[in-house]
Amino acid sequence: MELAVDRVMQAYGMMVNITFAQEKTLRADVTGFLSDSPSTDENQLAIEGLRYLRAR
């Protein structure tokens, strides 16, 4: 799941300018969100995580 979170943060960072502190907070939020996901596929988790952040 860590790889998926890294991919989400990299993609989101290209779309939105965020500070280091914001990135840490968002990373924790995404990790918590994805930990509840039944999916184990890294690609699917990355997509779900990016959708989650964009909907915030």
Protein backbone atom coordinates (compact mmCIF):
# COMPACT_ATOMS: atom_id res chain seq x y z
CA MET A 1 0.00 0.00 0.00
CA GLU A 2 2.94 2.33 0.60
CA LEU A 3 3.73 2.33 -3.12
CA ALA A 4 0.15 3.34 -3.93
CA VAL A 5 0.28 6.21 -1.41
CA ASP A 6 3.58 7.38 -2.90
CA ARG A 7 2.05 7.38 -6.37
CA VAL A 8 -1.02 9.28 -5.15
CA MET A 9 1.09 11.94 -3.49
CA GLN A 10 3.36 12.32 -6.51
CA ALA A 11 0.41 12.75 -8.88
CA TYR A 12 -1.48 15.05 -6.53
CA GLY A 13 1.64 17.15 -6.00
CA MET A 14 1.79 17.76 -9.76
CA MET A 15 -1.81 19.00 -9.77
CA VAL A 16 -1.82 21.11 -6.61
CA ASN A 17 0.92 23.10 -4.90
CA ILE A 18 1.17 21.85 -1.33
CA THR A 19 3.62 22.49 1.47
CA PHE A 20 5.62 19.79 3.17
CA ALA A 21 3.34 19.98 6.23
CA GLN A 22 0.24 19.65 4.04
CA GLU A 23 1.78 16.67 2.28
CA LYS A 24 2.38 14.91 5.60
CA THR A 25 -1.23 15.50 6.64
CA LEU A 26 -2.64 14.41 3.28
CA ARG A 27 -0.40 11.34 3.23
CA ALA A 28 -1.78 10.27 6.62
CA ASP A 29 -5.36 10.89 5.42
CA VAL A 30 -4.85 8.85 2.25
CA THR A 31 -3.17 6.04 4.16
CA GLY A 32 -6.10 5.88 6.57
CA PHE A 33 -8.60 5.95 3.73
CA LEU A 34 -6.86 3.23 1.75
CA SER A 35 -6.39 1.00 4.78
CA ASP A 36 -10.19 0.54 4.80
CA SER A 37 -10.24 -0.48 1.14
CA PRO A 38 -10.85 -4.15 0.36
CA SER A 39 -8.66 -3.88 -2.74
CA THR A 40 -5.05 -5.07 -2.64
CA ASP A 41 -4.16 -4.04 -6.19
CA GLU A 42 -1.63 -1.18 -6.03
CA ASN A 43 -2.97 0.43 -9.22
CA GLN A 44 -6.55 0.37 -7.98
CA LEU A 45 -5.49 1.73 -4.59
CA ALA A 46 -3.64 4.59 -6.28
CA ILE A 47 -6.72 5.48 -8.32
CA GLU A 48 -8.96 5.36 -5.25
CA GLY A 49 -6.52 7.50 -3.27
CA LEU A 50 -6.32 10.13 -5.98
CA ARG A 51 -10.10 10.23 -6.27
CA TYR A 52 -10.30 10.67 -2.52
CA LEU A 53 -7.94 13.64 -2.51
CA ARG A 54 -9.56 15.31 -5.50
CA ALA A 55 -12.99 15.03 -3.86
CA ARG A 56 -11.79 16.73 -0.66
